[in-house]
């Protein structure tokens, strides 16, 4: 998968914000609004439902030419043929995930507020790294704080795309993009909004404006 595809709005689903019946509809609205990457994040143990949901979401992402990533679960990603997996600190190691999913899979890693962790992850062959939280987060209120300057430092030190996450809204997103974020990972600021498509369009516009200012 080309790194060129790893940019823009990165939508992360929330089982708390969606009933099983309307998760697909919510994600479709995000994609119509301009989301380029979708991560399926569901910590429940209902394997049958998770398998059915991921299959539907993968098909939806294919129709919109978007990347489909699964949080933590390498076996689920392999089972449905997802584009890749996102790993946290306590998940399967990068080498094992790569061996299971193959060289073309997208593997992303949470690096919190630690640049050295990101450099090590890049050396281990990941396709992107994620930093955050940058702002107070309702999804993960206890997440460690990252400073916006970290994005600028990471941009100098890394050759792979960078994700910013944590309490991101259309109003505070511009500073993150300007500092070096290639993608903005959003949960509440997208799926917690009444009009998901409109929220996605606002984020998408922030990237478009940044591209215009760079050209």
C-alpha atoms as a PDB file:
ATOM      1  CA  UNK A   1       0.000   0.000   0.000  1.00  0.00           C
ATOM      2  CA  UNK A   2       1.418   3.355  -1.001  1.00  0.00           C
ATOM      3  CA  UNK A   3       2.111   5.853   1.746  1.00  0.00           C
ATOM      4  CA  UNK A   4       0.439   8.407  -0.534  1.00  0.00           C
ATOM      5  CA  UNK A   5      -2.913   6.912   0.439  1.00  0.00           C
ATOM      6  CA  UNK A   6      -2.174   7.472   4.121  1.00  0.00           C
ATOM      7  CA  UNK A   7      -3.332  11.038   4.457  1.00  0.00           C
ATOM      8  CA  UNK A   8      -6.435  12.948   5.434  1.00  0.00           C
ATOM      9  CA  UNK A   9      -9.264  12.178   7.835  1.00  0.00           C
ATOM     10  CA  UNK A  10      -8.803   8.886   9.732  1.00  0.00           C
ATOM     11  CA  UNK A  11     -12.186   7.819  11.126  1.00  0.00           C
ATOM     12  CA  UNK A  12     -12.156   5.503  14.155  1.00  0.00           C
ATOM     13  CA  UNK A  13     -15.397   3.706  14.931  1.00  0.00           C
ATOM     14  CA  UNK A  14     -16.839   3.483  18.414  1.00  0.00           C
ATOM     15  CA  UNK A  15     -19.101   0.643  19.518  1.00  0.00           C
ATOM     16  CA  UNK A  16     -20.371   2.950  22.277  1.00  0.00           C
ATOM     17  CA  UNK A  17     -21.548   5.538  19.736  1.00  0.00           C
ATOM     18  CA  UNK A  18     -23.203   3.119  17.319  1.00  0.00           C
ATOM     19  CA  UNK A  19     -25.647   0.284  17.564  1.00  0.00           C
ATOM     20  CA  UNK A  20     -24.787  -2.678  15.341  1.00  0.00           C
ATOM     21  CA  UNK A  21     -27.661  -1.745  13.056  1.00  0.00           C
ATOM     22  CA  UNK A  22     -26.354   1.684  12.102  1.00  0.00           C
ATOM     23  CA  UNK A  23     -22.550   1.423  12.307  1.00  0.00           C
ATOM     24  CA  UNK A  24     -22.316   0.878   8.553  1.00  0.00           C
ATOM     25  CA  UNK A  25     -24.536   3.875   7.922  1.00  0.00           C
ATOM     26  CA  UNK A  26     -22.408   6.056  10.201  1.00  0.00           C
ATOM     27  CA  UNK A  27     -19.195   5.026   8.463  1.00  0.00           C
ATOM     28  CA  UNK A  28     -20.772   5.616   5.055  1.00  0.00           C
ATOM     29  CA  UNK A  29     -21.582   9.192   6.076  1.00  0.00           C
ATOM     30  CA  UNK A  30     -17.969   9.709   7.192  1.00  0.00           C
ATOM     31  CA  UNK A  31     -16.689   8.357   3.867  1.00  0.00           C
ATOM     32  CA  UNK A  32     -19.070  10.534   1.882  1.00  0.00           C
ATOM     33  CA  UNK A  33     -17.746  13.501   3.843  1.00  0.00           C
ATOM     34  CA  UNK A  34     -14.165  12.740   2.881  1.00  0.00           C
ATOM     35  CA  UNK A  35     -12.715  10.208   5.357  1.00  0.00           C
ATOM     36  CA  UNK A  36      -9.806   8.415   3.661  1.00  0.00           C
ATOM     37  CA  UNK A  37      -9.017   5.778   6.301  1.00  0.00           C
ATOM     38  CA  UNK A  38     -11.419   3.884   8.564  1.00  0.00           C
ATOM     39  CA  UNK A  39     -10.328   1.992  11.671  1.00  0.00           C
ATOM     40  CA  UNK A  40     -12.685  -0.563  13.181  1.00  0.00           C
ATOM     41  CA  UNK A  41     -12.299  -0.370  16.943  1.00  0.00           C
ATOM     42  CA  UNK A  42     -14.436  -2.721  18.993  1.00  0.00           C
ATOM     43  CA  UNK A  43     -13.241  -4.184  22.292  1.00  0.00           C
ATOM     44  CA  UNK A  44     -16.161  -6.574  22.803  1.00  0.00           C
ATOM     45  CA  UNK A  45     -15.837 -10.363  22.550  1.00  0.00           C
ATOM     46  CA  UNK A  46     -18.753 -11.025  20.179  1.00  0.00           C
ATOM     47  CA  UNK A  47     -16.637 -12.529  17.411  1.00  0.00           C
ATOM     48  CA  UNK A  48     -19.562 -13.296  15.116  1.00  0.00           C
ATOM     49  CA  UNK A  49     -20.833  -9.727  15.163  1.00  0.00           C
ATOM     50  CA  UNK A  50     -17.343  -8.286  14.798  1.00  0.00           C
ATOM     51  CA  UNK A  51     -16.673 -10.487  11.776  1.00  0.00           C
ATOM     52  CA  UNK A  52     -19.976  -9.489  10.142  1.00  0.00           C
ATOM     53  CA  UNK A  53     -19.405  -5.783  10.809  1.00  0.00           C
ATOM     54  CA  UNK A  54     -15.865  -5.767   9.486  1.00  0.00           C
ATOM     55  CA  UNK A  55     -16.920  -7.519   6.288  1.00  0.00           C
ATOM     56  CA  UNK A  56     -19.581  -4.875   5.652  1.00  0.00           C
ATOM     57  CA  UNK A  57     -17.199  -2.031   6.441  1.00  0.00           C
ATOM     58  CA  UNK A  58     -14.463  -3.445   4.229  1.00  0.00           C
ATOM     59  CA  UNK A  59     -16.879  -3.596   1.289  1.00  0.00           C
ATOM     60  CA  UNK A  60     -17.964  -0.022   2.017  1.00  0.00           C
ATOM     61  CA  UNK A  61     -14.368   1.225   2.138  1.00  0.00           C
ATOM     62  CA  UNK A  62     -13.606  -0.528  -1.130  1.00  0.00           C
ATOM     63  CA  UNK A  63     -16.495   1.313  -2.798  1.00  0.00           C
ATOM     64  CA  UNK A  64     -15.116   4.642  -1.570  1.00  0.00           C
ATOM     65  CA  UNK A  65     -11.440   3.799  -2.321  1.00  0.00           C
ATOM     66  CA  UNK A  66     -10.605   4.195   1.370  1.00  0.00           C
ATOM     67  CA  UNK A  67      -8.220   2.159   3.530  1.00  0.00           C
ATOM     68  CA  UNK A  68      -9.726  -0.187   6.110  1.00  0.00           C
ATOM     69  CA  UNK A  69      -7.727  -0.858   9.278  1.00  0.00           C
ATOM     70  CA  UNK A  70      -8.624  -3.040  12.248  1.00  0.00           C
ATOM     71  CA  UNK A  71      -7.626  -2.078  15.770  1.00  0.00           C
ATOM     72  CA  UNK A  72      -5.471  -4.601  17.654  1.00  0.00           C
ATOM     73  CA  UNK A  73      -6.894  -7.814  16.166  1.00  0.00           C
ATOM     74  CA  UNK A  74      -4.409  -9.220  13.645  1.00  0.00           C
ATOM     75  CA  UNK A  75      -6.379 -12.439  13.204  1.00  0.00           C
ATOM     76  CA  UNK A  76      -9.591 -10.566  12.399  1.00  0.00           C
ATOM     77  CA  UNK A  77      -7.698  -8.403   9.896  1.00  0.00           C
ATOM     78  CA  UNK A  78      -6.352 -11.545   8.241  1.00  0.00           C
ATOM     79  CA  UNK A  79      -9.749 -13.240   8.237  1.00  0.00           C
ATOM     80  CA  UNK A  80     -11.562 -10.458   6.378  1.00  0.00           C
ATOM     81  CA  UNK A  81      -8.667  -9.275   4.207  1.00  0.00           C
ATOM     82  CA  UNK A  82      -8.483  -5.796   5.731  1.00  0.00           C
ATOM     83  CA  UNK A  83      -5.827  -3.369   4.482  1.00  0.00           C
ATOM     84  CA  UNK A  84      -4.028  -3.592   7.783  1.00  0.00           C
ATOM     85  CA  UNK A  85      -3.972  -3.337  11.553  1.00  0.00           C
ATOM     86  CA  UNK A  86      -3.284  -0.725  14.226  1.00  0.00           C
ATOM     87  CA  UNK A  87      -1.275  -1.879  17.220  1.00  0.00           C
ATOM     88  CA  UNK A  88      -1.026  -0.426  20.712  1.00  0.00           C
ATOM     89  CA  UNK A  89       1.613  -0.852  23.366  1.00  0.00           C
ATOM     90  CA  UNK A  90       0.249  -4.188  24.597  1.00  0.00           C
ATOM     91  CA  UNK A  91      -0.719  -5.781  21.286  1.00  0.00           C
ATOM     92  CA  UNK A  92       1.076  -8.285  19.059  1.00  0.00           C
ATOM     93  CA  UNK A  93       4.576  -7.210  18.112  1.00  0.00           C
ATOM     94  CA  UNK A  94       5.246  -5.609  14.731  1.00  0.00           C
ATOM     95  CA  UNK A  95       7.346  -8.469  13.348  1.00  0.00           C
ATOM     96  CA  UNK A  96       4.662 -11.061  14.136  1.00  0.00           C
ATOM     97  CA  UNK A  97       1.926  -8.871  12.663  1.00  0.00           C
ATOM     98  CA  UNK A  98       3.926  -8.399   9.470  1.00  0.00           C
ATOM     99  CA  UNK A  99       4.581 -12.121   9.192  1.00  0.00           C
ATOM    100  CA  UNK A 100       0.862 -12.853   9.593  1.00  0.00           C
ATOM    101  CA  UNK A 101      -0.505 -10.131   7.285  1.00  0.00           C
ATOM    102  CA  UNK A 102       2.204  -9.952   4.635  1.00  0.00           C
ATOM    103  CA  UNK A 103       4.402  -7.237   3.112  1.00  0.00           C
ATOM    104  CA  UNK A 104       1.544  -5.247   1.543  1.00  0.00           C
ATOM    105  CA  UNK A 105      -0.427  -4.796   4.771  1.00  0.00           C
ATOM    106  CA  UNK A 106      -0.582  -1.408   6.480  1.00  0.00           C
ATOM    107  CA  UNK A 107       0.695  -1.603  10.045  1.00  0.00           C
ATOM    108  CA  UNK A 108       0.312   1.408  12.300  1.00  0.00           C
ATOM    109  CA  UNK A 109       1.493   1.814  15.882  1.00  0.00           C
ATOM    110  CA  UNK A 110       0.494   4.061  18.777  1.00  0.00           C
ATOM    111  CA  UNK A 111       3.524   5.979  20.051  1.00  0.00           C
ATOM    112  CA  UNK A 112       1.717   8.227  22.550  1.00  0.00           C
ATOM    113  CA  UNK A 113       4.134  11.099  23.285  1.00  0.00           C
ATOM    114  CA  UNK A 114       7.378   9.196  22.613  1.00  0.00           C
ATOM    115  CA  UNK A 115       9.422  10.025  19.531  1.00  0.00           C
ATOM    116  CA  UNK A 116      11.967   7.301  20.322  1.00  0.00           C
ATOM    117  CA  UNK A 117       9.158   4.725  20.206  1.00  0.00           C
ATOM    118  CA  UNK A 118       8.163   6.042  16.764  1.00  0.00           C
ATOM    119  CA  UNK A 119      11.733   5.850  15.440  1.00  0.00           C
ATOM    120  CA  UNK A 120      12.018   2.254  16.688  1.00  0.00           C
ATOM    121  CA  UNK A 121       8.659   1.418  15.074  1.00  0.00           C
ATOM    122  CA  UNK A 122       9.794   2.912  11.770  1.00  0.00           C
ATOM    123  CA  UNK A 123      12.974   0.831  11.952  1.00  0.00           C
ATOM    124  CA  UNK A 124      10.796  -2.246  12.573  1.00  0.00           C
ATOM    125  CA  UNK A 125       8.911  -1.601   9.350  1.00  0.00           C
ATOM    126  CA  UNK A 126       5.613   0.047  10.291  1.00  0.00           C
ATOM    127  CA  UNK A 127       3.739   2.126   7.720  1.00  0.00           C
ATOM    128  CA  UNK A 128       2.653   4.954  10.023  1.00  0.00           C
ATOM    129  CA  UNK A 129       2.862   6.065  13.646  1.00  0.00           C
ATOM    130  CA  UNK A 130       0.262   7.788  15.816  1.00  0.00           C
ATOM    131  CA  UNK A 131       0.881  10.381  18.523  1.00  0.00           C
ATOM    132  CA  UNK A 132      -1.542  11.738  21.091  1.00  0.00           C
ATOM    133  CA  UNK A 133      -3.695  12.693  22.831  1.00  0.00           C
ATOM    134  CA  UNK A 134      -3.194  16.340  21.892  1.00  0.00           C
ATOM    135  CA  UNK A 135      -6.398  17.690  23.447  1.00  0.00           C
ATOM    136  CA  UNK A 136      -8.707  16.481  26.242  1.00  0.00           C
ATOM    137  CA  UNK A 137     -10.396  13.303  25.015  1.00  0.00           C
ATOM    138  CA  UNK A 138     -13.783  11.901  25.995  1.00  0.00           C
ATOM    139  CA  UNK A 139     -12.892   8.569  24.345  1.00  0.00           C
ATOM    140  CA  UNK A 140      -9.644   8.102  26.313  1.00  0.00           C
ATOM    141  CA  UNK A 141      -9.621  10.687  29.114  1.00  0.00           C
ATOM    142  CA  UNK A 142      -6.609   9.072  30.834  1.00  0.00           C
ATOM    143  CA  UNK A 143      -4.432   9.031  27.702  1.00  0.00           C
ATOM    144  CA  UNK A 144      -1.019  10.663  28.017  1.00  0.00           C
ATOM    145  CA  UNK A 145      -0.638  14.258  26.866  1.00  0.00           C
ATOM    146  CA  UNK A 146       1.388  15.003  23.743  1.00  0.00           C
ATOM    147  CA  UNK A 147       2.517  18.491  22.751  1.00  0.00           C
ATOM    148  CA  UNK A 148       1.999  19.848  19.248  1.00  0.00           C
ATOM    149  CA  UNK A 149       5.756  20.508  18.914  1.00  0.00           C
ATOM    150  CA  UNK A 150       6.214  16.730  18.911  1.00  0.00           C
ATOM    151  CA  UNK A 151       4.653  16.599  15.438  1.00  0.00           C
ATOM    152  CA  UNK A 152       7.250  19.005  14.068  1.00  0.00           C
ATOM    153  CA  UNK A 153      10.077  16.995  15.643  1.00  0.00           C
ATOM    154  CA  UNK A 154       8.624  13.748  14.289  1.00  0.00           C
ATOM    155  CA  UNK A 155       8.286  15.210  10.809  1.00  0.00           C
ATOM    156  CA  UNK A 156      12.032  15.899  10.799  1.00  0.00           C
ATOM    157  CA  UNK A 157      12.971  12.488  12.219  1.00  0.00           C
ATOM    158  CA  UNK A 158      10.617  10.161  10.320  1.00  0.00           C
ATOM    159  CA  UNK A 159      10.028   9.212   6.704  1.00  0.00           C
ATOM    160  CA  UNK A 160       6.618   7.601   7.265  1.00  0.00           C
ATOM    161  CA  UNK A 161       3.183   9.242   7.700  1.00  0.00           C
ATOM    162  CA  UNK A 162       2.148  10.636  11.073  1.00  0.00           C
ATOM    163  CA  UNK A 163      -1.268  10.456  12.741  1.00  0.00           C
ATOM    164  CA  UNK A 164      -2.474  12.857  15.415  1.00  0.00           C
ATOM    165  CA  UNK A 165      -5.222  11.692  17.784  1.00  0.00           C
ATOM    166  CA  UNK A 166      -7.056  12.877  20.865  1.00  0.00           C
ATOM    167  CA  UNK A 167      -9.847  15.409  21.275  1.00  0.00           C
ATOM    168  CA  UNK A 168      -9.513  16.710  17.717  1.00  0.00           C
ATOM    169  CA  UNK A 169     -12.212  18.992  16.305  1.00  0.00           C
ATOM    170  CA  UNK A 170     -12.422  20.983  13.064  1.00  0.00           C
ATOM    171  CA  UNK A 171     -11.643  24.068  15.155  1.00  0.00           C
ATOM    172  CA  UNK A 172      -8.344  22.799  16.629  1.00  0.00           C
ATOM    173  CA  UNK A 173      -7.217  20.615  13.726  1.00  0.00           C
ATOM    174  CA  UNK A 174      -5.402  23.222  11.613  1.00  0.00           C
ATOM    175  CA  UNK A 175      -2.505  23.545  14.075  1.00  0.00           C
ATOM    176  CA  UNK A 176      -1.915  19.790  13.998  1.00  0.00           C
ATOM    177  CA  UNK A 177      -1.848  19.647  10.198  1.00  0.00           C
ATOM    178  CA  UNK A 178       0.469  22.651  10.019  1.00  0.00           C
ATOM    179  CA  UNK A 179       2.814  21.038  12.562  1.00  0.00           C
ATOM    180  CA  UNK A 180       3.154  17.895  10.450  1.00  0.00           C
ATOM    181  CA  UNK A 181       0.193  15.538  10.939  1.00  0.00           C
ATOM    182  CA  UNK A 182      -0.557  13.663   7.709  1.00  0.00           C
ATOM    183  CA  UNK A 183      -3.723  12.186   9.190  1.00  0.00           C
ATOM    184  CA  UNK A 184      -6.156  13.213  11.913  1.00  0.00           C
ATOM    185  CA  UNK A 185      -7.688  10.296  13.809  1.00  0.00           C
ATOM    186  CA  UNK A 186     -11.123  11.243  15.112  1.00  0.00           C
ATOM    187  CA  UNK A 187     -13.777   9.406  17.137  1.00  0.00           C
ATOM    188  CA  UNK A 188     -16.040  11.749  19.125  1.00  0.00           C
ATOM    189  CA  UNK A 189     -15.449  14.722  16.815  1.00  0.00           C
ATOM    190  CA  UNK A 190     -16.918  12.638  13.996  1.00  0.00           C
ATOM    191  CA  UNK A 191     -19.176   9.833  15.207  1.00  0.00           C
ATOM    192  CA  UNK A 192     -20.353  11.789  18.231  1.00  0.00           C
ATOM    193  CA  UNK A 193     -21.767  14.535  15.997  1.00  0.00           C
ATOM    194  CA  UNK A 194     -25.351  14.814  14.833  1.00  0.00           C
ATOM    195  CA  UNK A 195     -24.321  15.300  11.198  1.00  0.00           C
ATOM    196  CA  UNK A 196     -21.385  12.944  10.613  1.00  0.00           C
ATOM    197  CA  UNK A 197     -21.003  13.794   6.949  1.00  0.00           C
ATOM    198  CA  UNK A 198     -20.849  17.539   7.640  1.00  0.00           C
ATOM    199  CA  UNK A 199     -18.249  16.987  10.381  1.00  0.00           C
ATOM    200  CA  UNK A 200     -16.143  14.887   8.000  1.00  0.00           C
ATOM    201  CA  UNK A 201     -16.401  17.587   5.335  1.00  0.00           C
ATOM    202  CA  UNK A 202     -15.099  20.167   7.815  1.00  0.00           C
ATOM    203  CA  UNK A 203     -12.044  18.047   8.572  1.00  0.00           C
ATOM    204  CA  UNK A 204     -11.515  17.332   4.890  1.00  0.00           C
ATOM    205  CA  UNK A 205     -11.608  21.067   4.201  1.00  0.00           C
ATOM    206  CA  UNK A 206      -8.810  21.681   6.707  1.00  0.00           C
ATOM    207  CA  UNK A 207      -6.525  19.380   4.703  1.00  0.00           C
ATOM    208  CA  UNK A 208      -7.552  21.036   1.436  1.00  0.00           C
ATOM    209  CA  UNK A 209      -6.790  24.488   2.850  1.00  0.00           C
ATOM    210  CA  UNK A 210      -3.372  23.333   4.048  1.00  0.00           C
ATOM    211  CA  UNK A 211      -2.565  21.936   0.608  1.00  0.00           C
ATOM    212  CA  UNK A 212      -3.587  25.251  -0.976  1.00  0.00           C
ATOM    213  CA  UNK A 213      -1.314  27.206   1.384  1.00  0.00           C
ATOM    214  CA  UNK A 214       1.609  24.854   0.617  1.00  0.00           C
ATOM    215  CA  UNK A 215       1.246  25.174  -3.163  1.00  0.00           C
END
